[in-house]
Protein backbone atom coordinates (compact mmCIF):
# COMPACT_ATOMS: atom_id res chain seq x y z
CA MET A 1 209.75 -40.03 138.77
CA ASN A 2 209.83 -43.03 136.38
CA GLN A 3 212.71 -43.75 134.03
CA GLN A 4 210.90 -42.49 130.92
CA ARG A 5 210.02 -39.15 132.55
CA LEU A 6 213.54 -38.83 133.92
CA SER A 7 215.00 -39.42 130.47
CA GLY A 8 212.63 -36.88 128.95
CA ALA A 9 213.50 -34.30 131.61
CA ILE A 10 217.20 -34.76 131.04
CA SER A 11 216.73 -34.33 127.28
CA LEU A 12 214.72 -31.16 127.79
CA LEU A 13 217.33 -29.72 130.15
CA GLY A 14 220.00 -30.50 127.58
CA LEU A 15 218.14 -28.64 124.85
CA LEU A 16 217.56 -25.68 127.12
CA ALA A 17 221.23 -25.59 128.08
CA MET A 18 222.36 -25.70 124.46
CA SER A 19 220.07 -22.82 123.61
CA SER A 20 221.20 -20.70 126.55
CA PRO A 21 223.83 -17.92 126.27
CA ALA A 22 226.40 -20.19 127.93
CA PHE A 23 226.47 -22.25 124.72
CA ALA A 24 226.48 -19.30 122.34
CA GLN A 25 229.47 -18.47 120.18
CA THR A 26 231.44 -16.54 122.78
CA VAL A 27 234.08 -13.83 122.45
CA ASP A 28 236.05 -12.28 125.29
CA VAL A 29 237.30 -8.97 123.87
CA GLN A 30 240.30 -7.18 125.38
CA GLN A 31 239.93 -3.55 124.28
CA TYR A 32 240.59 0.08 125.18
CA TRP A 33 237.95 2.14 123.39
CA THR A 34 236.52 4.18 126.24
CA SER A 35 235.76 7.70 124.92
CA ALA A 36 232.19 8.55 123.87
CA SER A 37 232.75 7.94 120.16
CA GLU A 38 234.95 4.88 120.72
CA SER A 39 232.33 3.28 122.96
CA LYS A 40 229.67 3.83 120.31
CA ALA A 41 231.90 2.15 117.72
CA MET A 42 232.59 -0.85 119.95
CA ASN A 43 228.89 -1.12 120.75
CA ALA A 44 228.12 -1.17 117.02
CA ILE A 45 230.36 -4.21 116.66
CA ALA A 46 229.04 -5.90 119.79
CA ASP A 47 225.40 -5.33 118.84
CA ALA A 48 225.93 -6.78 115.36
CA PHE A 49 227.77 -9.76 116.85
CA LYS A 50 225.01 -10.44 119.37
CA ALA A 51 222.35 -10.04 116.68
CA HIS A 52 223.91 -13.05 114.96
CA GLY A 53 223.62 -15.14 118.11
CA GLY A 54 226.99 -14.49 119.73
CA LYS A 55 227.77 -13.85 123.38
CA TRP A 56 229.98 -10.82 124.03
CA ILE A 57 232.23 -10.53 127.09
CA ASP A 58 233.82 -7.09 127.37
CA SER A 59 237.29 -6.85 128.98
CA PRO A 60 238.21 -3.15 128.88
CA SER A 61 241.62 -1.68 129.68
CA ALA A 62 242.66 1.93 130.28
CA ASP A 63 244.73 2.33 127.11
CA PHE A 64 246.63 0.56 124.33
CA ASP A 65 249.64 -0.39 126.46
CA SER A 66 247.45 -1.77 129.24
CA THR A 67 245.48 -3.80 126.72
CA ILE A 68 248.59 -5.39 125.22
CA ALA A 69 250.00 -6.10 128.69
CA ALA A 70 246.75 -7.73 129.82
CA ALA A 71 246.41 -9.77 126.63
CA THR A 72 249.97 -11.09 126.68
CA SER A 73 249.66 -11.93 130.37
CA ARG A 74 246.48 -13.88 129.71
CA ILE A 75 248.06 -15.69 126.76
CA ALA A 76 251.06 -16.67 128.88
CA GLY A 77 248.71 -17.85 131.64
CA GLY A 78 246.80 -20.15 129.32
CA GLU A 79 243.58 -18.09 129.33
CA PRO A 80 243.83 -15.99 126.17
CA PRO A 81 241.14 -13.48 125.19
CA SER A 82 239.21 -14.28 122.03
CA ALA A 83 240.15 -10.97 120.41
CA VAL A 84 242.52 -8.11 121.17
CA LEU A 85 242.03 -4.56 119.95
CA MET A 86 245.42 -3.26 118.82
CA THR A 87 247.31 -1.87 115.85
CA PRO A 88 249.42 -3.78 113.30
CA SER A 89 252.54 -2.89 115.27
CA ALA A 90 255.56 -4.74 116.59
CA ALA A 91 253.36 -6.27 119.31
CA MET A 92 251.15 -7.90 116.68
CA ARG A 93 254.12 -9.13 114.69
CA ASP A 94 255.80 -10.57 117.78
CA LEU A 95 252.65 -12.46 118.80
CA ALA A 96 252.18 -13.77 115.26
CA SER A 97 255.82 -14.84 114.86
CA SER A 98 255.63 -16.82 118.10
CA GLY A 99 252.51 -18.67 116.91
CA GLN A 100 250.13 -16.97 119.34
CA LEU A 101 247.68 -15.54 116.78
CA ARG A 102 245.11 -17.39 114.73
CA ASN A 103 245.78 -17.62 110.99
CA LEU A 104 242.82 -16.14 109.10
CA ASP A 105 243.87 -17.16 105.59
CA ASP A 106 240.96 -19.60 105.15
CA LEU A 107 238.35 -16.98 106.03
CA ALA A 108 240.03 -14.40 103.80
CA ALA A 109 240.09 -16.74 100.83
CA ALA A 110 236.47 -17.81 101.31
CA ASN A 111 235.22 -14.23 101.59
CA GLY A 112 237.52 -12.40 99.15
CA TRP A 113 238.83 -10.04 101.82
CA GLN A 114 242.14 -9.24 100.14
CA LYS A 115 240.42 -7.74 97.10
CA ALA A 116 238.20 -5.70 99.39
CA MET A 117 241.10 -4.00 101.20
CA VAL A 118 243.48 -1.21 100.22
CA PRO A 119 246.89 -2.89 99.63
CA ILE A 120 248.70 -0.86 102.32
CA VAL A 121 246.17 -2.13 104.87
CA TRP A 122 246.34 -5.76 103.75
CA ASN A 123 250.13 -5.70 103.89
CA LYS A 124 250.05 -4.38 107.47
CA LEU A 125 247.89 -7.28 108.58
CA THR A 126 250.03 -10.07 107.19
CA VAL A 127 253.05 -11.68 108.84
CA ASP A 128 255.16 -14.17 106.88
CA GLY A 129 252.46 -14.14 104.21
CA HIS A 130 249.60 -15.01 106.58
CA LEU A 131 246.66 -12.82 107.58
CA VAL A 132 246.73 -12.43 111.38
CA GLY A 133 244.43 -9.46 112.00
CA LEU A 134 241.35 -7.70 110.67
CA PRO A 135 240.76 -3.94 110.38
CA VAL A 136 238.01 -2.19 112.30
CA GLY A 137 238.64 1.17 110.66
CA ILE A 138 241.37 3.32 109.18
CA HIS A 139 242.59 6.62 110.57
CA ALA A 140 245.35 9.09 109.83
CA ASP A 141 247.21 10.90 112.59
CA ASN A 142 248.21 14.06 110.67
CA TRP A 143 244.89 15.91 110.84
CA VAL A 144 244.08 19.32 112.27
CA TRP A 145 240.57 19.94 113.63
CA TYR A 146 239.16 23.41 114.09
CA SER A 147 236.21 25.25 115.57
CA LYS A 148 234.18 27.13 112.98
CA SER A 149 232.90 29.57 115.62
CA ALA A 150 236.43 30.33 116.86
CA PHE A 151 237.60 30.87 113.27
CA GLU A 152 234.67 33.16 112.52
CA LYS A 153 235.29 35.14 115.71
CA ALA A 154 238.93 35.63 114.67
CA GLY A 155 238.00 36.40 111.06
CA ILE A 156 240.03 33.59 109.52
CA GLU A 157 239.51 30.87 106.93
CA GLU A 158 240.83 27.32 106.71
CA PRO A 159 244.66 27.42 106.36
CA LYS A 160 246.19 26.18 103.12
CA THR A 161 249.87 26.37 104.15
CA LEU A 162 251.91 26.14 107.34
CA ASP A 163 252.40 29.90 107.23
CA ASP A 164 248.62 30.31 107.00
CA MET A 165 248.19 28.00 109.99
CA PHE A 166 250.52 29.96 112.24
CA ALA A 167 249.01 33.25 111.03
CA ALA A 168 245.62 31.83 112.02
CA ALA A 169 247.07 30.94 115.43
CA ASP A 170 248.11 34.58 115.94
CA LYS A 171 244.59 35.80 115.12
CA LEU A 172 242.99 33.19 117.36
CA LYS A 173 245.21 34.28 120.23
CA ALA A 174 244.32 37.91 119.65
CA SER A 175 240.61 37.04 119.68
CA GLY A 176 240.87 35.33 123.08
CA SER A 177 240.85 31.68 121.94
CA ILE A 178 243.48 29.03 122.66
CA PRO A 179 245.21 28.77 119.26
CA PHE A 180 246.33 25.12 119.54
CA ALA A 181 244.73 22.72 122.01
CA VAL A 182 247.34 20.10 122.94
CA GLY A 183 246.89 17.56 125.71
CA GLY A 184 249.94 17.23 127.91
CA GLU A 185 250.49 13.52 127.30
CA PRO A 186 253.63 12.25 125.53
CA TRP A 187 251.80 10.54 122.68
CA GLN A 188 249.84 13.72 121.93
CA GLU A 189 253.02 15.78 121.91
CA VAL A 190 254.89 13.49 119.53
CA TYR A 191 251.95 13.72 117.09
CA VAL A 192 252.67 17.43 116.74
CA LEU A 193 256.32 16.70 115.92
CA THR A 194 255.52 14.00 113.36
CA SER A 195 252.89 16.28 111.80
CA MET A 196 255.58 18.90 111.23
CA ILE A 197 257.92 16.30 109.71
CA ILE A 198 255.34 14.94 107.28
CA SER A 199 254.22 18.45 106.36
CA LEU A 200 257.73 19.59 105.48
CA GLY A 201 258.96 16.36 103.90
CA GLY A 202 255.97 14.67 102.31
CA PRO A 203 255.54 10.91 101.76
CA GLU A 204 258.91 10.21 100.14
CA TYR A 205 260.97 11.81 102.90
CA TRP A 206 258.74 10.22 105.55
CA ASN A 207 259.41 6.75 104.13
CA ASP A 208 263.13 7.44 103.90
CA LEU A 209 263.24 8.59 107.51
CA PHE A 210 260.90 6.23 109.35
CA VAL A 211 260.47 3.17 107.12
CA LYS A 212 263.90 2.82 105.50
CA ARG A 213 265.69 4.75 108.26
CA ASP A 214 268.11 6.05 105.67
CA PRO A 215 271.09 7.84 107.34
CA GLU A 216 271.01 10.48 104.59
CA ALA A 217 267.46 11.47 105.61
CA LEU A 218 268.77 12.36 109.05
CA LYS A 219 271.07 14.96 107.49
CA SER A 220 268.22 16.83 105.83
CA PRO A 221 267.44 20.42 106.93
CA ILE A 222 263.84 19.23 107.27
CA LEU A 223 264.44 17.81 110.75
CA PRO A 224 265.79 20.99 112.40
CA LYS A 225 262.94 22.97 110.85
CA ALA A 226 260.40 20.42 112.10
CA PHE A 227 261.70 20.69 115.67
CA GLU A 228 261.61 24.49 115.44
CA LEU A 229 257.97 24.43 114.35
CA PHE A 230 257.17 21.82 117.00
CA ARG A 231 258.47 24.19 119.65
CA LYS A 232 256.62 27.10 118.04
CA VAL A 233 253.32 25.24 118.41
CA GLY A 234 254.06 24.98 122.12
CA THR A 235 254.03 28.78 122.44
CA TYR A 236 250.35 28.81 121.39
CA THR A 237 249.02 26.24 123.88
CA ASP A 238 247.30 26.81 127.23
CA PRO A 239 248.93 26.28 130.65
CA ALA A 240 246.28 23.72 131.73
CA SER A 241 247.33 21.12 129.16
CA ALA A 242 249.44 18.93 131.48
CA GLY A 243 248.00 15.42 131.71
CA ARG A 244 244.84 16.33 129.79
CA SER A 245 243.38 13.47 127.74
CA TRP A 246 242.96 13.77 124.00
CA ASN A 247 239.16 13.77 124.14
CA GLU A 248 239.09 16.40 126.89
CA THR A 249 241.37 18.43 124.64
CA THR A 250 239.02 17.92 121.70
CA ASN A 251 236.23 19.26 123.91
CA LEU A 252 238.03 22.63 123.99
CA VAL A 253 237.55 22.78 120.22
CA THR A 254 233.96 21.51 120.21
CA THR A 255 233.04 24.24 122.70
CA GLY A 256 234.90 26.96 120.77
CA LYS A 257 237.38 27.63 123.59
CA ALA A 258 240.23 26.55 121.33
CA GLY A 259 240.76 27.04 117.63
CA MET A 260 242.73 24.01 116.46
CA GLN A 261 243.91 20.56 117.56
CA PHE A 262 246.48 18.20 116.04
CA MET A 263 244.88 14.77 116.34
CA GLY A 264 243.99 11.65 114.39
CA ASP A 265 240.53 11.49 112.89
CA TRP A 266 239.14 9.60 115.85
CA ALA A 267 238.64 13.17 117.08
CA ARG A 268 235.87 13.49 114.50
CA GLY A 269 233.89 10.97 116.49
CA GLU A 270 233.94 13.33 119.49
CA PHE A 271 232.51 16.16 117.39
CA LEU A 272 229.80 13.82 116.13
CA ALA A 273 229.07 12.61 119.67
CA ALA A 274 228.59 16.28 120.63
CA GLY A 275 225.92 16.59 117.93
CA GLN A 276 228.09 18.66 115.59
CA THR A 277 228.35 18.47 111.81
CA ALA A 278 231.47 18.70 109.65
CA GLY A 279 231.48 21.96 107.73
CA LYS A 280 228.97 23.53 110.07
CA GLU A 281 230.31 23.58 113.64
CA PHE A 282 233.76 22.13 112.91
CA GLY A 283 236.22 21.77 110.08
CA CYS A 284 239.23 19.65 109.27
CA PHE A 285 242.33 19.57 107.12
CA LEU A 286 245.37 17.37 106.77
CA VAL A 287 248.43 19.26 108.04
CA PRO A 288 249.26 21.64 105.16
CA THR A 289 251.96 20.44 102.81
CA GLU A 290 253.06 20.86 99.21
CA LYS A 291 253.31 17.06 99.00
CA PRO A 292 250.00 15.53 100.20
CA ALA A 293 250.42 12.75 102.76
CA TYR A 294 248.15 10.52 104.82
CA ALA A 295 249.82 8.80 107.80
CA VAL A 296 247.73 5.65 108.14
CA VAL A 297 246.76 4.24 111.53
CA VAL A 298 244.76 1.00 111.47
CA ASP A 299 242.73 -0.28 114.40
CA ILE A 300 242.52 -4.06 114.25
CA PHE A 301 241.28 -7.13 116.02
CA ALA A 302 243.87 -9.89 116.41
CA PHE A 303 242.65 -13.31 117.49
CA PRO A 304 244.87 -15.25 119.95
CA VAL A 305 244.97 -19.01 119.45
CA ASN A 306 242.18 -20.62 121.50
CA LYS A 307 241.57 -24.32 122.21
CA ASP A 308 237.95 -23.96 123.33
CA GLU A 309 235.65 -24.84 120.41
CA ASP A 310 233.00 -22.32 121.42
CA ARG A 311 235.59 -19.52 121.55
CA VAL A 312 236.96 -20.53 118.12
CA LYS A 313 233.46 -20.35 116.66
CA GLY A 314 233.01 -17.01 118.38
CA GLN A 315 236.21 -15.72 116.77
CA THR A 316 234.94 -16.76 113.34
CA LEU A 317 231.62 -15.00 113.90
CA LEU A 318 233.38 -11.85 115.14
CA ALA A 319 235.74 -11.88 112.13
CA GLU A 320 232.80 -12.08 109.75
CA THR A 321 230.98 -9.38 111.71
CA VAL A 322 233.77 -6.79 111.60
CA MET A 323 234.29 -7.42 107.88
CA ASP A 324 230.61 -6.85 107.11
CA PRO A 325 230.43 -3.69 104.94
CA ALA A 326 227.32 -2.52 106.81
CA VAL A 327 229.10 -2.82 110.16
CA GLU A 328 232.15 -0.97 108.80
CA ALA A 329 229.88 1.86 107.68
CA LYS A 330 228.35 2.06 111.18
CA ILE A 331 231.79 2.17 112.81
CA ALA A 332 232.95 4.95 110.49
CA ALA A 333 229.77 6.93 111.11
CA VAL A 334 230.31 7.17 114.88
CA LYS A 335 234.08 6.92 115.36
CA GLY A 336 235.41 9.16 112.63
CA SER A 337 237.33 6.45 110.82
CA VAL A 338 237.45 5.63 107.12
CA PRO A 339 236.13 2.18 106.12
CA SER A 340 238.87 -0.34 105.43
CA ARG A 341 236.88 -2.05 102.67
CA LEU A 342 236.81 -0.54 99.21
CA ASP A 343 233.24 -1.71 98.63
CA VAL A 344 231.62 0.14 101.55
CA ASP A 345 229.03 2.74 100.54
CA THR A 346 230.68 6.09 101.35
CA SER A 347 227.83 8.28 100.08
CA THR A 348 226.66 9.00 103.61
CA LEU A 349 230.10 10.01 104.95
CA ASP A 350 230.70 13.64 105.87
CA MET A 351 233.18 16.02 104.23
CA CYS A 352 236.06 15.10 106.57
CA ALA A 353 235.64 11.37 106.00
CA VAL A 354 235.45 12.00 102.24
CA LYS A 355 238.78 13.84 102.40
CA GLY A 356 240.26 10.78 104.09
CA VAL A 357 238.78 8.36 101.56
CA LYS A 358 240.20 10.40 98.67
CA ALA A 359 243.65 10.66 100.28
CA LEU A 360 243.78 6.93 100.99
CA ALA A 361 242.79 6.11 97.41
CA THR A 362 245.40 8.45 95.83
CA PRO A 363 248.56 6.53 94.85
CA GLY A 364 251.67 7.54 96.78
CA VAL A 365 249.83 9.57 99.44
CA ALA A 366 249.29 6.94 102.13
CA VAL A 367 252.23 6.07 104.37
CA SER A 368 252.60 4.03 107.55
CA SER A 369 252.33 5.96 110.80
CA THR A 370 255.36 5.78 113.07
CA TYR A 371 253.43 3.44 115.38
CA ASP A 372 253.37 0.88 112.58
CA ALA A 373 256.66 1.74 110.88
CA LEU A 374 258.91 1.65 113.96
CA PRO A 375 259.45 -1.07 116.56
CA GLY A 376 257.69 -0.35 119.84
CA ASP A 377 260.87 0.47 121.75
CA LEU A 378 261.96 3.04 119.16
CA ASN A 379 258.52 4.61 119.22
CA GLY A 380 258.81 4.90 122.97
CA GLN A 381 262.23 6.50 122.78
CA MET A 382 261.11 9.00 120.13
CA THR A 383 258.06 9.89 122.21
CA ASP A 384 260.25 10.45 125.27
CA LEU A 385 262.56 12.67 123.20
CA ALA A 386 259.64 14.72 121.89
CA THR A 387 258.29 15.26 125.41
CA GLN A 388 261.72 16.25 126.70
CA PHE A 389 262.10 18.82 123.92
CA TRP A 390 258.51 20.05 124.39
CA THR A 391 258.90 20.59 128.14
CA ASP A 392 262.54 21.72 128.34
CA PRO A 393 263.17 25.07 126.58
CA SER A 394 266.90 24.75 127.23
CA MET A 395 267.18 21.67 125.00
CA SER A 396 268.61 22.80 121.66
CA VAL A 397 267.29 21.83 118.25
CA GLU A 398 270.71 20.34 117.44
CA THR A 399 270.55 18.12 120.51
CA ALA A 400 267.04 16.98 119.62
CA VAL A 401 268.00 16.14 116.03
CA LYS A 402 271.03 14.17 117.21
CA GLY A 403 268.85 12.36 119.72
CA LEU A 404 266.38 11.34 117.02
CA ALA A 405 269.24 10.22 114.77
CA ASP A 406 270.65 8.04 117.55
CA ILE A 407 267.23 6.47 118.10
CA LEU A 408 266.50 5.73 114.45
CA GLN A 409 269.98 4.33 113.83
CA SER A 410 270.05 2.18 116.99
CA LYS A 411 268.76 -0.93 115.23
């Protein structure tokens, strides 16, 4: 081969290499969305990213804790993922404070993202005044989901009060249905407890207890009552709940075997994945309360600092992809979340999503979930306490209240 042909061949190979996937804007995503609806939501993001020329590397983990452990290990080892699915919790704040997360201020300013977000969401994603994460959907964890067929069989309507809800549980039990489907995992159990607290206390008490950690809030009669109702829920569950995943538990409701489930609105995605329609096969309501509340849970992507130019470009493309209103609408449609942008078209959302949108937009209703409000270690201790109380009938309400007080006042 002569020199001219050799030079031409090398040039052609270079062009081919640059146009190959190896030179695409690459993201390596550490994530834990594995249920049917979660996978559809992640695929919606990945498909949109790839449609814009990006290369997607999926790095799945079993759950949230495993994802954070894997991500921090990779960061410490000098091979950080491009993006980490997480919540705006203590883990995010710790990574940001130590300089491990990319600052997204420039992208936010260029695209007007702050104006597009609900203030409570924007504030969750900033550390020391800098944007360090982007939302991929908003949930609330104080929902109750119910089977329309089980309700019709028992001759009951959607509960409007806590008394109504427990009266419905009695009728469901009498009709042969499981009144409350609860998965026997600690995080599912603590959701029942916090649902009782927010129902009895409303947003103001919730903030006093979990955000301000006001000692006076711990003296309120609300806490003993919440633990009593928490234990009462346990008398309506089925014996096969131990170790059952949340989505397997949701399946009991989608199939009409159970009447109700306390779960965040990611459960709606499971109903949708089963081909069901809100208001037809299933219904939903925020845990009944005289003081409406919406305990916000935000799923986010955080972007660890990367030195590889291709990965940095990939992060930018992914950030712009997840903040695309059309992509947010697709995520909400399959996962059950509420869009985090105020300018997303919500006309196609179902009745449950509309309830969430209205609650989020009502001043004073939205509060931070305990996963965001409390440091990770305190969340863990409270979850352990809830499970101990749930599984040990000999543990008194007074002991449980004192235990929670000790946890919330420990820092």
